[in-house]
Amino acid sequence: MTIKKTLGIIALASTIGLAGCANNPEYTFNGKIGEEQVKFYEEEFGEYNILKVVKADGSIIRYVDNTKNDLKIEYVEIKVGDNTTQYYLTSKNPIAAGIAQKAQEKFDSYLEKIMEIQTAPLYKE
């Protein structure tokens, strides 16, 4: 076997391996939901689930699940203008924890909408 062929096989195996690292491919999405630009993607080989929502007013909300890959967010990051603030579910500040809890509800709602959009062709006659 030539070196070139061996390297080709290694490259192909690596590509297949990396492509298979997504833990939640059913939610992978990049498109519009209403007036919002929505993107669900995974980082760190599927360890982080991130849902990024760009609102019509330009504000950006990032919902981040970076532990256990359980689709339960650890924090939400909200960017309005030049201000970016993170609210953690585990915060000792009950207001911040409440914001993160509300963000989890919104995150779940977006995932439901993504699934509806992704599976809509199954239900068309």
PDB file of N, CA and C in Angstrom:
ATOM      1  N   MET A   1       0.859  -1.172   0.000  1.00  0.00           N
ATOM      2  CA  MET A   1       0.000   0.000   0.000  1.00  0.00           C
ATOM      3  C   MET A   1       0.907   1.237   0.000  1.00  0.00           C
ATOM      4  N   THR A   2       0.611   2.174  -0.851  1.00  0.00           N
ATOM      5  CA  THR A   2       1.450   3.371  -0.946  1.00  0.00           C
ATOM      6  C   THR A   2       1.152   4.318   0.199  1.00  0.00           C
ATOM      7  N   ILE A   3       2.096   5.197   0.458  1.00  0.00           N
ATOM      8  CA  ILE A   3       1.910   6.194   1.524  1.00  0.00           C
ATOM      9  C   ILE A   3       0.717   7.086   1.211  1.00  0.00           C
ATOM     10  N   LYS A   4       0.584   7.461  -0.068  1.00  0.00           N
ATOM     11  CA  LYS A   4      -0.522   8.337  -0.474  1.00  0.00           C
ATOM     12  C   LYS A   4      -1.873   7.677  -0.191  1.00  0.00           C
ATOM     13  N   LYS A   5      -1.971   6.377  -0.511  1.00  0.00           N
ATOM     14  CA  LYS A   5      -3.218   5.657  -0.277  1.00  0.00           C
ATOM     15  C   LYS A   5      -3.496   5.509   1.218  1.00  0.00           C
ATOM     16  N   THR A   6      -2.453   5.234   1.999  1.00  0.00           N
ATOM     17  CA  THR A   6      -2.590   5.108   3.449  1.00  0.00           C
ATOM     18  C   THR A   6      -3.067   6.415   4.065  1.00  0.00           C
ATOM     19  N   LEU A   7      -2.458   7.522   3.632  1.00  0.00           N
ATOM     20  CA  LEU A   7      -2.873   8.838   4.148  1.00  0.00           C
ATOM     21  C   LEU A   7      -4.316   9.142   3.762  1.00  0.00           C
ATOM     22  N   GLY A   8      -4.711   8.738   2.577  1.00  0.00           N
ATOM     23  CA  GLY A   8      -6.090   8.943   2.142  1.00  0.00           C
ATOM     24  C   GLY A   8      -7.076   8.183   3.013  1.00  0.00           C
ATOM     25  N   ILE A   9      -6.737   6.955   3.353  1.00  0.00           N
ATOM     26  CA  ILE A   9      -7.594   6.143   4.218  1.00  0.00           C
ATOM     27  C   ILE A   9      -7.688   6.760   5.616  1.00  0.00           C
ATOM     28  N   ILE A  10      -6.555   7.233   6.136  1.00  0.00           N
ATOM     29  CA  ILE A  10      -6.552   7.883   7.454  1.00  0.00           C
ATOM     30  C   ILE A  10      -7.411   9.134   7.436  1.00  0.00           C
ATOM     31  N   ALA A  11      -7.273   9.949   6.387  1.00  0.00           N
ATOM     32  CA  ALA A  11      -8.061  11.179   6.273  1.00  0.00           C
ATOM     33  C   ALA A  11      -9.549  10.865   6.195  1.00  0.00           C
ATOM     34  N   LEU A  12      -9.903   9.850   5.421  1.00  0.00           N
ATOM     35  CA  LEU A  12     -11.310   9.462   5.302  1.00  0.00           C
ATOM     36  C   LEU A  12     -11.861   8.972   6.639  1.00  0.00           C
ATOM     37  N   ALA A  13     -11.105   8.158   7.333  1.00  0.00           N
ATOM     38  CA  ALA A  13     -11.548   7.656   8.638  1.00  0.00           C
ATOM     39  C   ALA A  13     -11.710   8.793   9.634  1.00  0.00           C
ATOM     40  N   SER A  14     -10.805   9.759   9.597  1.00  0.00           N
ATOM     41  CA  SER A  14     -10.905  10.914  10.497  1.00  0.00           C
ATOM     42  C   SER A  14     -12.152  11.728  10.197  1.00  0.00           C
ATOM     43  N   THR A  15     -12.427  11.933   8.920  1.00  0.00           N
ATOM     44  CA  THR A  15     -13.607  12.704   8.525  1.00  0.00           C
ATOM     45  C   THR A  15     -14.877  11.996   8.966  1.00  0.00           C
ATOM     46  N   ILE A  16     -14.946  10.707   8.752  1.00  0.00           N
ATOM     47  CA  ILE A  16     -16.122   9.945   9.169  1.00  0.00           C
ATOM     48  C   ILE A  16     -16.266   9.993  10.686  1.00  0.00           C
ATOM     49  N   GLY A  17     -15.172   9.880  11.397  1.00  0.00           N
ATOM     50  CA  GLY A  17     -15.207   9.930  12.854  1.00  0.00           C
ATOM     51  C   GLY A  17     -15.691  11.257  13.369  1.00  0.00           C
ATOM     52  N   LEU A  18     -15.202  12.346  12.786  1.00  0.00           N
ATOM     53  CA  LEU A  18     -15.626  13.669  13.235  1.00  0.00           C
ATOM     54  C   LEU A  18     -17.077  13.930  12.885  1.00  0.00           C
ATOM     55  N   ALA A  19     -17.515  13.474  11.738  1.00  0.00           N
ATOM     56  CA  ALA A  19     -18.904  13.692  11.341  1.00  0.00           C
ATOM     57  C   ALA A  19     -19.855  12.958  12.269  1.00  0.00           C
ATOM     58  N   GLY A  20     -19.400  11.871  12.863  1.00  0.00           N
ATOM     59  CA  GLY A  20     -20.255  11.082  13.730  1.00  0.00           C
ATOM     60  C   GLY A  20     -20.293  11.574  15.166  1.00  0.00           C
ATOM     61  N   CYS A  21     -19.668  12.716  15.461  1.00  0.00           N
ATOM     62  CA  CYS A  21     -19.583  13.196  16.832  1.00  0.00           C
ATOM     63  C   CYS A  21     -20.805  13.985  17.281  1.00  0.00           C
ATOM     64  N   ALA A  22     -21.710  14.287  16.398  1.00  0.00           N
ATOM     65  CA  ALA A  22     -22.886  15.049  16.776  1.00  0.00           C
ATOM     66  C   ALA A  22     -23.796  14.180  17.637  1.00  0.00           C
ATOM     67  N   ASN A  23     -24.183  14.699  18.781  1.00  0.00           N
ATOM     68  CA  ASN A  23     -25.059  13.955  19.685  1.00  0.00           C
ATOM     69  C   ASN A  23     -26.531  14.247  19.454  1.00  0.00           C
ATOM     70  N   ASN A  24     -26.815  15.397  18.874  1.00  0.00           N
ATOM     71  CA  ASN A  24     -28.203  15.793  18.656  1.00  0.00           C
ATOM     72  C   ASN A  24     -28.399  16.308  17.233  1.00  0.00           C
ATOM     73  N   PRO A  25     -28.103  15.486  16.232  1.00  0.00           N
ATOM     74  CA  PRO A  25     -28.194  15.966  14.851  1.00  0.00           C
ATOM     75  C   PRO A  25     -29.611  16.352  14.440  1.00  0.00           C
ATOM     76  N   GLU A  26     -30.600  15.825  15.132  1.00  0.00           N
ATOM     77  CA  GLU A  26     -31.988  16.146  14.784  1.00  0.00           C
ATOM     78  C   GLU A  26     -32.327  17.615  15.035  1.00  0.00           C
ATOM     79  N   TYR A  27     -31.531  18.286  15.839  1.00  0.00           N
ATOM     80  CA  TYR A  27     -31.793  19.696  16.122  1.00  0.00           C
ATOM     81  C   TYR A  27     -30.907  20.644  15.329  1.00  0.00           C
ATOM     82  N   THR A  28     -29.925  20.126  14.599  1.00  0.00           N
ATOM     83  CA  THR A  28     -29.052  21.001  13.825  1.00  0.00           C
ATOM     84  C   THR A  28     -29.912  21.840  12.894  1.00  0.00           C
ATOM     85  N   PHE A  29     -29.751  23.152  12.986  1.00  0.00           N
ATOM     86  CA  PHE A  29     -30.664  24.054  12.271  1.00  0.00           C
ATOM     87  C   PHE A  29     -29.990  25.400  12.089  1.00  0.00           C
ATOM     88  N   ASN A  30     -30.241  26.017  10.963  1.00  0.00           N
ATOM     89  CA  ASN A  30     -29.786  27.382  10.711  1.00  0.00           C
ATOM     90  C   ASN A  30     -30.792  28.015   9.773  1.00  0.00           C
ATOM     91  N   GLY A  31     -31.708  28.794  10.332  1.00  0.00           N
ATOM     92  CA  GLY A  31     -32.746  29.400   9.512  1.00  0.00           C
ATOM     93  C   GLY A  31     -33.606  30.362  10.316  1.00  0.00           C
ATOM     94  N   LYS A  32     -34.696  30.749   9.725  1.00  0.00           N
ATOM     95  CA  LYS A  32     -35.608  31.704  10.348  1.00  0.00           C
ATOM     96  C   LYS A  32     -36.741  30.969  11.051  1.00  0.00           C
ATOM     97  N   ILE A  33     -37.083  31.474  12.219  1.00  0.00           N
ATOM     98  CA  ILE A  33     -38.304  31.083  12.909  1.00  0.00           C
ATOM     99  C   ILE A  33     -39.000  32.400  13.195  1.00  0.00           C
ATOM    100  N   GLY A  34     -40.056  32.645  12.456  1.00  0.00           N
ATOM    101  CA  GLY A  34     -40.699  33.955  12.531  1.00  0.00           C
ATOM    102  C   GLY A  34     -39.730  35.009  12.016  1.00  0.00           C
ATOM    103  N   GLU A  35     -39.526  36.040  12.794  1.00  0.00           N
ATOM    104  CA  GLU A  35     -38.613  37.124  12.423  1.00  0.00           C
ATOM    105  C   GLU A  35     -37.204  36.922  12.960  1.00  0.00           C
ATOM    106  N   GLU A  36     -36.971  35.806  13.623  1.00  0.00           N
ATOM    107  CA  GLU A  36     -35.693  35.574  14.293  1.00  0.00           C
ATOM    108  C   GLU A  36     -34.802  34.636  13.484  1.00  0.00           C
ATOM    109  N   GLN A  37     -33.508  34.942  13.466  1.00  0.00           N
ATOM    110  CA  GLN A  37     -32.525  34.042  12.869  1.00  0.00           C
ATOM    111  C   GLN A  37     -32.083  33.083  13.968  1.00  0.00           C
ATOM    112  N   VAL A  38     -32.263  31.795  13.740  1.00  0.00           N
ATOM    113  CA  VAL A  38     -32.018  30.781  14.767  1.00  0.00           C
ATOM    114  C   VAL A  38     -30.994  29.775  14.255  1.00  0.00           C
ATOM    115  N   LYS A  39     -30.037  29.453  15.122  1.00  0.00           N
ATOM    116  CA  LYS A  39     -29.027  28.448  14.766  1.00  0.00           C
ATOM    117  C   LYS A  39     -28.781  27.549  15.970  1.00  0.00           C
ATOM    118  N   PHE A  40     -28.973  26.245  15.766  1.00  0.00           N
ATOM    119  CA  PHE A  40     -28.620  25.253  16.783  1.00  0.00           C
ATOM    120  C   PHE A  40     -27.430  24.495  16.250  1.00  0.00           C
ATOM    121  N   TYR A  41     -26.377  24.414  17.054  1.00  0.00           N
ATOM    122  CA  TYR A  41     -25.182  23.698  16.637  1.00  0.00           C
ATOM    123  C   TYR A  41     -24.472  23.138  17.858  1.00  0.00           C
ATOM    124  N   GLU A  42     -23.541  22.230  17.570  1.00  0.00           N
ATOM    125  CA  GLU A  42     -22.763  21.596  18.631  1.00  0.00           C
ATOM    126  C   GLU A  42     -21.302  21.997  18.474  1.00  0.00           C
ATOM    127  N   GLU A  43     -20.614  22.112  19.593  1.00  0.00           N
ATOM    128  CA  GLU A  43     -19.192  22.414  19.611  1.00  0.00           C
ATOM    129  C   GLU A  43     -18.490  21.410  20.509  1.00  0.00           C
ATOM    130  N   GLU A  44     -17.175  21.417  20.439  1.00  0.00           N
ATOM    131  CA  GLU A  44     -16.354  20.527  21.277  1.00  0.00           C
ATOM    132  C   GLU A  44     -16.772  19.073  21.097  1.00  0.00           C
ATOM    133  N   PHE A  45     -16.892  18.663  19.814  1.00  0.00           N
ATOM    134  CA  PHE A  45     -17.229  17.281  19.474  1.00  0.00           C
ATOM    135  C   PHE A  45     -18.538  16.828  20.119  1.00  0.00           C
ATOM    136  N   GLY A  46     -19.522  17.702  20.105  1.00  0.00           N
ATOM    137  CA  GLY A  46     -20.838  17.345  20.612  1.00  0.00           C
ATOM    138  C   GLY A  46     -21.029  17.536  22.098  1.00  0.00           C
ATOM    139  N   GLU A  47     -20.014  18.049  22.781  1.00  0.00           N
ATOM    140  CA  GLU A  47     -20.130  18.268  24.229  1.00  0.00           C
ATOM    141  C   GLU A  47     -20.981  19.487  24.560  1.00  0.00           C
ATOM    142  N   TYR A  48     -20.959  20.507  23.691  1.00  0.00           N
ATOM    143  CA  TYR A  48     -21.713  21.737  23.930  1.00  0.00           C
ATOM    144  C   TYR A  48     -22.851  21.821  22.926  1.00  0.00           C
ATOM    145  N   ASN A  49     -24.047  22.065  23.406  1.00  0.00           N
ATOM    146  CA  ASN A  49     -25.191  22.376  22.556  1.00  0.00           C
ATOM    147  C   ASN A  49     -25.435  23.865  22.680  1.00  0.00           C
ATOM    148  N   ILE A  50     -25.470  24.553  21.553  1.00  0.00           N
ATOM    149  CA  ILE A  50     -25.657  26.000  21.576  1.00  0.00           C
ATOM    150  C   ILE A  50     -26.807  26.369  20.653  1.00  0.00           C
ATOM    151  N   LEU A  51     -27.704  27.163  21.175  1.00  0.00           N
ATOM    152  CA  LEU A  51     -28.795  27.707  20.390  1.00  0.00           C
ATOM    153  C   LEU A  51     -28.605  29.219  20.381  1.00  0.00           C
ATOM    154  N   LYS A  52     -28.377  29.756  19.204  1.00  0.00           N
ATOM    155  CA  LYS A  52     -28.159  31.203  19.060  1.00  0.00           C
ATOM    156  C   LYS A  52     -29.362  31.798  18.348  1.00  0.00           C
ATOM    157  N   VAL A  53     -29.940  32.828  18.961  1.00  0.00           N
ATOM    158  CA  VAL A  53     -31.111  33.486  18.403  1.00  0.00           C
ATOM    159  C   VAL A  53     -30.789  34.973  18.232  1.00  0.00           C
ATOM    160  N   VAL A  54     -30.910  35.438  16.993  1.00  0.00           N
ATOM    161  CA  VAL A  54     -30.740  36.865  16.722  1.00  0.00           C
ATOM    162  C   VAL A  54     -32.141  37.442  16.534  1.00  0.00           C
ATOM    163  N   LYS A  55     -32.512  38.309  17.449  1.00  0.00           N
ATOM    164  CA  LYS A  55     -33.846  38.910  17.434  1.00  0.00           C
ATOM    165  C   LYS A  55     -33.935  39.992  16.360  1.00  0.00           C
ATOM    166  N   ALA A  56     -35.145  40.380  16.008  1.00  0.00           N
ATOM    167  CA  ALA A  56     -35.363  41.401  14.986  1.00  0.00           C
ATOM    168  C   ALA A  56     -34.708  42.728  15.357  1.00  0.00           C
ATOM    169  N   ASP A  57     -34.588  43.013  16.662  1.00  0.00           N
ATOM    170  CA  ASP A  57     -33.974  44.277  17.096  1.00  0.00           C
ATOM    171  C   ASP A  57     -32.443  44.210  17.147  1.00  0.00           C
ATOM    172  N   GLY A  58     -31.866  43.048  16.774  1.00  0.00           N
ATOM    173  CA  GLY A  58     -30.412  42.886  16.758  1.00  0.00           C
ATOM    174  C   GLY A  58     -29.834  42.291  18.021  1.00  0.00           C
ATOM    175  N   SER A  59     -30.624  42.155  19.069  1.00  0.00           N
ATOM    176  CA  SER A  59     -30.109  41.521  20.281  1.00  0.00           C
ATOM    177  C   SER A  59     -29.872  40.038  20.008  1.00  0.00           C
ATOM    178  N   ILE A  60     -28.914  39.479  20.736  1.00  0.00           N
ATOM    179  CA  ILE A  60     -28.520  38.083  20.527  1.00  0.00           C
ATOM    180  C   ILE A  60     -28.642  37.319  21.840  1.00  0.00           C
ATOM    181  N   ILE A  61     -29.272  36.158  21.770  1.00  0.00           N
ATOM    182  CA  ILE A  61     -29.401  35.295  22.943  1.00  0.00           C
ATOM    183  C   ILE A  61     -28.746  33.958  22.601  1.00  0.00           C
ATOM    184  N   ARG A  62     -27.823  33.529  23.451  1.00  0.00           N
ATOM    185  CA  ARG A  62     -27.167  32.229  23.290  1.00  0.00           C
ATOM    186  C   ARG A  62     -27.546  31.362  24.491  1.00  0.00           C
ATOM    187  N   TYR A  63     -28.190  30.243  24.205  1.00  0.00           N
ATOM    188  CA  TYR A  63     -28.557  29.273  25.220  1.00  0.00           C
ATOM    189  C   TYR A  63     -27.471  28.193  25.184  1.00  0.00           C
ATOM    190  N   VAL A  64     -26.819  27.925  26.313  1.00  0.00           N
ATOM    191  CA  VAL A  64     -25.676  27.016  26.310  1.00  0.00           C
ATOM    192  C   VAL A  64     -25.883  25.851  27.271  1.00  0.00           C
ATOM    193  N   ASP A  65     -25.831  24.647  26.697  1.00  0.00           N
ATOM    194  CA  ASP A  65     -25.837  23.395  27.460  1.00  0.00           C
ATOM    195  C   ASP A  65     -24.432  22.834  27.311  1.00  0.00           C
ATOM    196  N   ASN A  66     -23.609  22.974  28.347  1.00  0.00           N
ATOM    197  CA  ASN A  66     -22.223  22.525  28.222  1.00  0.00           C
ATOM    198  C   ASN A  66     -21.840  21.455  29.237  1.00  0.00           C
ATOM    199  N   THR A  67     -22.832  20.807  29.817  1.00  0.00           N
ATOM    200  CA  THR A  67     -22.566  19.732  30.764  1.00  0.00           C
ATOM    201  C   THR A  67     -23.535  18.586  30.507  1.00  0.00           C
ATOM    202  N   LYS A  68     -23.042  17.403  30.426  1.00  0.00           N
ATOM    203  CA  LYS A  68     -23.853  16.176  30.334  1.00  0.00           C
ATOM    204  C   LYS A  68     -24.604  16.001  29.018  1.00  0.00           C
ATOM    205  N   ASN A  69     -24.562  16.982  28.115  1.00  0.00           N
ATOM    206  CA  ASN A  69     -25.270  16.861  26.842  1.00  0.00           C
ATOM    207  C   ASN A  69     -26.712  16.414  27.064  1.00  0.00           C
ATOM    208  N   ASP A  70     -27.402  17.089  27.983  1.00  0.00           N
ATOM    209  CA  ASP A  70     -28.755  16.689  28.370  1.00  0.00           C
ATOM    210  C   ASP A  70     -29.843  17.644  27.887  1.00  0.00           C
ATOM    211  N   LEU A  71     -29.446  18.615  27.056  1.00  0.00           N
ATOM    212  CA  LEU A  71     -30.362  19.634  26.547  1.00  0.00           C
ATOM    213  C   LEU A  71     -30.975  20.463  27.672  1.00  0.00           C
ATOM    214  N   LYS A  72     -30.261  20.559  28.767  1.00  0.00           N
ATOM    215  CA  LYS A  72     -30.620  21.444  29.886  1.00  0.00           C
ATOM    216  C   LYS A  72     -29.528  22.509  29.949  1.00  0.00           C
ATOM    217  N   ILE A  73     -29.915  23.756  29.773  1.00  0.00           N
ATOM    218  CA  ILE A  73     -28.896  24.803  29.702  1.00  0.00           C
ATOM    219  C   ILE A  73     -28.255  25.044  31.068  1.00  0.00           C
ATOM    220  N   GLU A  74     -26.982  25.375  31.026  1.00  0.00           N
ATOM    221  CA  GLU A  74     -26.277  25.780  32.236  1.00  0.00           C
ATOM    222  C   GLU A  74     -26.363  27.300  32.387  1.00  0.00           C
ATOM    223  N   TYR A  75     -26.396  27.989  31.241  1.00  0.00           N
ATOM    224  CA  TYR A  75     -26.527  29.440  31.298  1.00  0.00           C
ATOM    225  C   TYR A  75     -27.077  29.977  29.986  1.00  0.00           C
ATOM    226  N   VAL A  76     -27.530  31.214  30.068  1.00  0.00           N
ATOM    227  CA  VAL A  76     -27.975  31.944  28.894  1.00  0.00           C
ATOM    228  C   VAL A  76     -27.148  33.226  28.835  1.00  0.00           C
ATOM    229  N   GLU A  77     -26.755  33.584  27.642  1.00  0.00           N
ATOM    230  CA  GLU A  77     -25.971  34.802  27.427  1.00  0.00           C
ATOM    231  C   GLU A  77     -26.809  35.746  26.577  1.00  0.00           C
ATOM    232  N   ILE A  78     -27.013  36.949  27.078  1.00  0.00           N
ATOM    233  CA  ILE A  78     -27.852  37.926  26.382  1.00  0.00           C
ATOM    234  C   ILE A  78     -27.002  39.131  26.024  1.00  0.00           C
ATOM    235  N   LYS A  79     -26.997  39.457  24.718  1.00  0.00           N
ATOM    236  CA  LYS A  79     -26.229  40.609  24.241  1.00  0.00           C
ATOM    237  C   LYS A  79     -27.203  41.638  23.686  1.00  0.00           C
ATOM    238  N   VAL A  80     -27.186  42.814  24.293  1.00  0.00           N
ATOM    239  CA  VAL A  80     -27.999  43.929  23.832  1.00  0.00           C
ATOM    240  C   VAL A  80     -27.037  45.095  23.624  1.00  0.00           C
ATOM    241  N   GLY A  81     -26.897  45.521  22.377  1.00  0.00           N
ATOM    242  CA  GLY A  81     -25.914  46.569  22.075  1.00  0.00           C
ATOM    243  C   GLY A  81     -24.517  46.083  22.413  1.00  0.00           C
ATOM    244  N   ASP A  82     -23.791  46.847  23.217  1.00  0.00           N
ATOM    245  CA  ASP A  82     -22.435  46.469  23.618  1.00  0.00           C
ATOM    246  C   ASP A  82     -22.406  45.681  24.925  1.00  0.00           C
ATOM    247  N   ASN A  83     -23.538  45.499  25.563  1.00  0.00           N
ATOM    248  CA  ASN A  83     -23.604  44.791  26.843  1.00  0.00           C
ATOM    249  C   ASN A  83     -23.903  43.306  26.639  1.00  0.00           C
ATOM    250  N   THR A  84     -23.081  42.469  27.252  1.00  0.00           N
ATOM    251  CA  THR A  84     -23.302  41.029  27.233  1.00  0.00           C
ATOM    252  C   THR A  84     -23.328  40.540  28.676  1.00  0.00           C
ATOM    253  N   THR A  85     -24.392  39.823  29.030  1.00  0.00           N
ATOM    254  CA  THR A  85     -24.544  39.315  30.387  1.00  0.00           C
ATOM    255  C   THR A  85     -24.887  37.832  30.342  1.00  0.00           C
ATOM    256  N   GLN A  86     -24.293  37.075  31.254  1.00  0.00           N
ATOM    257  CA  GLN A  86     -24.589  35.651  31.373  1.00  0.00           C
ATOM    258  C   GLN A  86     -25.368  35.418  32.663  1.00  0.00           C
ATOM    259  N   TYR A  87     -26.395  34.588  32.561  1.00  0.00           N
ATOM    260  CA  TYR A  87     -27.229  34.230  33.704  1.00  0.00           C
ATOM    261  C   TYR A  87     -27.158  32.709  33.874  1.00  0.00           C
ATOM    262  N   TYR A  88     -26.665  32.269  35.025  1.00  0.00           N
ATOM    263  CA  TYR A  88     -26.464  30.845  35.283  1.00  0.00           C
ATOM    264  C   TYR A  88     -27.618  30.260  36.080  1.00  0.00           C
ATOM    265  N   LEU A  89     -28.010  29.057  35.700  1.00  0.00           N
ATOM    266  CA  LEU A  89     -29.068  28.358  36.402  1.00  0.00           C
ATOM    267  C   LEU A  89     -28.683  28.089  37.851  1.00  0.00           C
ATOM    268  N   THR A  90     -27.407  27.907  38.112  1.00  0.00           N
ATOM    269  CA  THR A  90     -26.920  27.598  39.457  1.00  0.00           C
ATOM    270  C   THR A  90     -26.580  28.834  40.279  1.00  0.00           C
ATOM    271  N   SER A  91     -26.920  30.013  39.769  1.00  0.00           N
ATOM    272  CA  SER A  91     -26.599  31.252  40.477  1.00  0.00           C
ATOM    273  C   SER A  91     -27.274  31.289  41.851  1.00  0.00           C
ATOM    274  N   LYS A  92     -26.561  31.844  42.809  1.00  0.00           N
ATOM    275  CA  LYS A  92     -27.148  32.027  44.147  1.00  0.00           C
ATOM    276  C   LYS A  92     -28.088  33.233  44.171  1.00  0.00           C
ATOM    277  N   ASN A  93     -28.006  34.044  43.138  1.00  0.00           N
ATOM    278  CA  ASN A  93     -28.904  35.180  42.997  1.00  0.00           C
ATOM    279  C   ASN A  93     -30.222  34.650  42.424  1.00  0.00           C
ATOM    280  N   PRO A  94     -31.300  34.705  43.183  1.00  0.00           N
ATOM    281  CA  PRO A  94     -32.559  34.117  42.709  1.00  0.00           C
ATOM    282  C   PRO A  94     -33.104  34.788  41.444  1.00  0.00           C
ATOM    283  N   ILE A  95     -32.796  36.060  41.248  1.00  0.00           N
ATOM    284  CA  ILE A  95     -33.266  36.745  40.031  1.00  0.00           C
ATOM    285  C   ILE A  95     -32.541  36.185  38.815  1.00  0.00           C
ATOM    286  N   ALA A  96     -31.219  36.042  38.915  1.00  0.00           N
ATOM    287  CA  ALA A  96     -30.433  35.486  37.807  1.00  0.00           C
ATOM    288  C   ALA A  96     -30.833  34.046  37.529  1.00  0.00           C
ATOM    289  N   ALA A  97     -31.017  33.244  38.575  1.00  0.00           N
ATOM    290  CA  ALA A  97     -31.431  31.849  38.404  1.00  0.00           C
ATOM    291  C   ALA A  97     -32.820  31.783  37.762  1.00  0.00           C
ATOM    292  N   GLY A  98     -33.694  32.707  38.127  1.00  0.00           N
ATOM    293  CA  GLY A  98     -35.032  32.762  37.534  1.00  0.00           C
ATOM    294  C   GLY A  98     -34.979  33.105  36.055  1.00  0.00           C
ATOM    295  N   ILE A  99     -34.080  34.003  35.687  1.00  0.00           N
ATOM    296  CA  ILE A  99     -33.905  34.349  34.273  1.00  0.00           C
ATOM    297  C   ILE A  99     -33.423  33.118  33.506  1.00  0.00           C
ATOM    298  N   ALA A 100     -32.471  32.393  34.085  1.00  0.00           N
ATOM    299  CA  ALA A 100     -31.960  31.185  33.435  1.00  0.00           C
ATOM    300  C   ALA A 100     -33.058  30.126  33.314  1.00  0.00           C
ATOM    301  N   GLN A 101     -33.907  30.018  34.320  1.00  0.00           N
ATOM    302  CA  GLN A 101     -35.011  29.053  34.260  1.00  0.00           C
ATOM    303  C   GLN A 101     -35.984  29.421  33.143  1.00  0.00           C
ATOM    304  N   LYS A 102     -36.301  30.701  33.020  1.00  0.00           N
ATOM    305  CA  LYS A 102     -37.174  31.165  31.936  1.00  0.00           C
ATOM    306  C   LYS A 102     -36.517  30.890  30.591  1.00  0.00           C
ATOM    307  N   ALA A 103     -35.188  31.058  30.536  1.00  0.00           N
ATOM    308  CA  ALA A 103     -34.446  30.785  29.308  1.00  0.00           C
ATOM    309  C   ALA A 103     -34.542  29.309  28.930  1.00  0.00           C
ATOM    310  N   GLN A 104     -34.546  28.412  29.929  1.00  0.00           N
ATOM    311  CA  GLN A 104     -34.692  26.986  29.642  1.00  0.00           C
ATOM    312  C   GLN A 104     -36.028  26.711  28.961  1.00  0.00           C
ATOM    313  N   GLU A 105     -37.069  27.373  29.427  1.00  0.00           N
ATOM    314  CA  GLU A 105     -38.388  27.212  28.820  1.00  0.00           C
ATOM    315  C   GLU A 105     -38.378  27.677  27.363  1.00  0.00           C
ATOM    316  N   LYS A 106     -37.724  28.806  27.104  1.00  0.00           N
ATOM    317  CA  LYS A 106     -37.625  29.324  25.734  1.00  0.00           C
ATOM    318  C   LYS A 106     -36.798  28.372  24.865  1.00  0.00           C
ATOM    319  N   PHE A 107     -35.694  27.853  25.427  1.00  0.00           N
ATOM    320  CA  PHE A 107     -34.832  26.902  24.735  1.00  0.00           C
ATOM    321  C   PHE A 107     -35.649  25.681  24.303  1.00  0.00           C
ATOM    322  N   ASP A 108     -36.426  25.127  25.231  1.00  0.00           N
ATOM    323  CA  ASP A 108     -37.276  23.973  24.925  1.00  0.00           C
ATOM    324  C   ASP A 108     -38.269  24.295  23.812  1.00  0.00           C
ATOM    325  N   SER A 109     -38.835  25.504  23.872  1.00  0.00           N
ATOM    326  CA  SER A 109     -39.798  25.928  22.863  1.00  0.00           C
ATOM    327  C   SER A 109     -39.150  26.015  21.479  1.00  0.00           C
ATOM    328  N   TYR A 110     -37.941  26.556  21.417  1.00  0.00           N
ATOM    329  CA  TYR A 110     -37.224  26.620  20.138  1.00  0.00           C
ATOM    330  C   TYR A 110     -36.932  25.214  19.604  1.00  0.00           C
ATOM    331  N   LEU A 111     -36.533  24.302  20.481  1.00  0.00           N
ATOM    332  CA  LEU A 111     -36.253  22.937  20.028  1.00  0.00           C
ATOM    333  C   LEU A 111     -37.509  22.289  19.450  1.00  0.00           C
ATOM    334  N   GLU A 112     -38.659  22.536  20.071  1.00  0.00           N
ATOM    335  CA  GLU A 112     -39.918  22.008  19.542  1.00  0.00           C
ATOM    336  C   GLU A 112     -40.207  22.585  18.163  1.00  0.00           C
ATOM    337  N   LYS A 113     -39.996  23.901  18.015  1.00  0.00           N
ATOM    338  CA  LYS A 113     -40.241  24.548  16.720  1.00  0.00           C
ATOM    339  C   LYS A 113     -39.300  24.006  15.653  1.00  0.00           C
ATOM    340  N   ILE A 114     -38.039  23.790  16.031  1.00  0.00           N
ATOM    341  CA  ILE A 114     -37.074  23.228  15.077  1.00  0.00           C
ATOM    342  C   ILE A 114     -37.535  21.849  14.617  1.00  0.00           C
ATOM    343  N   MET A 115     -37.973  21.015  15.552  1.00  0.00           N
ATOM    344  CA  MET A 115     -38.447  19.684  15.180  1.00  0.00           C
ATOM    345  C   MET A 115     -39.676  19.761  14.275  1.00  0.00           C
ATOM    346  N   GLU A 116     -40.571  20.690  14.541  1.00  0.00           N
ATOM    347  CA  GLU A 116     -41.754  20.865  13.691  1.00  0.00           C
ATOM    348  C   GLU A 116     -41.336  21.226  12.269  1.00  0.00           C
ATOM    349  N   ILE A 117     -40.384  22.149  12.151  1.00  0.00           N
ATOM    350  CA  ILE A 117     -39.913  22.574  10.830  1.00  0.00           C
ATOM    351  C   ILE A 117     -39.197  21.427  10.122  1.00  0.00           C
ATOM    352  N   GLN A 118     -38.341  20.727  10.847  1.00  0.00           N
ATOM    353  CA  GLN A 118     -37.533  19.662  10.243  1.00  0.00           C
ATOM    354  C   GLN A 118     -38.399  18.476   9.810  1.00  0.00           C
ATOM    355  N   THR A 119     -39.483  18.221  10.512  1.00  0.00           N
ATOM    356  CA  THR A 119     -40.304  17.045  10.198  1.00  0.00           C
ATOM    357  C   THR A 119     -41.562  17.383   9.398  1.00  0.00           C
ATOM    358  N   ALA A 120     -41.790  18.642   9.093  1.00  0.00           N
ATOM    359  CA  ALA A 120     -42.988  19.059   8.371  1.00  0.00           C
ATOM    360  C   ALA A 120     -43.214  18.268   7.068  1.00  0.00           C
ATOM    361  N   PRO A 121     -42.176  17.954   6.290  1.00  0.00           N
ATOM    362  CA  PRO A 121     -42.426  17.193   5.061  1.00  0.00           C
ATOM    363  C   PRO A 121     -43.059  15.819   5.299  1.00  0.00           C
ATOM    364  N   LEU A 122     -42.860  15.236   6.474  1.00  0.00           N
ATOM    365  CA  LEU A 122     -43.462  13.937   6.774  1.00  0.00           C
ATOM    366  C   LEU A 122     -44.983  14.019   6.852  1.00  0.00           C
ATOM    367  N   TYR A 123     -45.484  15.185   7.189  1.00  0.00           N
ATOM    368  CA  TYR A 123     -46.916  15.324   7.440  1.00  0.00           C
ATOM    369  C   TYR A 123     -47.677  15.972   6.280  1.00  0.00           C
ATOM    370  N   LYS A 124     -46.942  16.331   5.236  1.00  0.00           N
ATOM    371  CA  LYS A 124     -47.604  16.915   4.060  1.00  0.00           C
ATOM    372  C   LYS A 124     -48.204  15.809   3.211  1.00  0.00           C
ATOM    373  N   GLU A 125     -49.339  16.083   2.687  1.00  0.00           N
ATOM    374  CA  GLU A 125     -50.040  15.097   1.830  1.00  0.00           C
ATOM    375  C   GLU A 125     -49.654  15.303   0.396  1.00  0.00           C
TER     376      GLU A 125
END
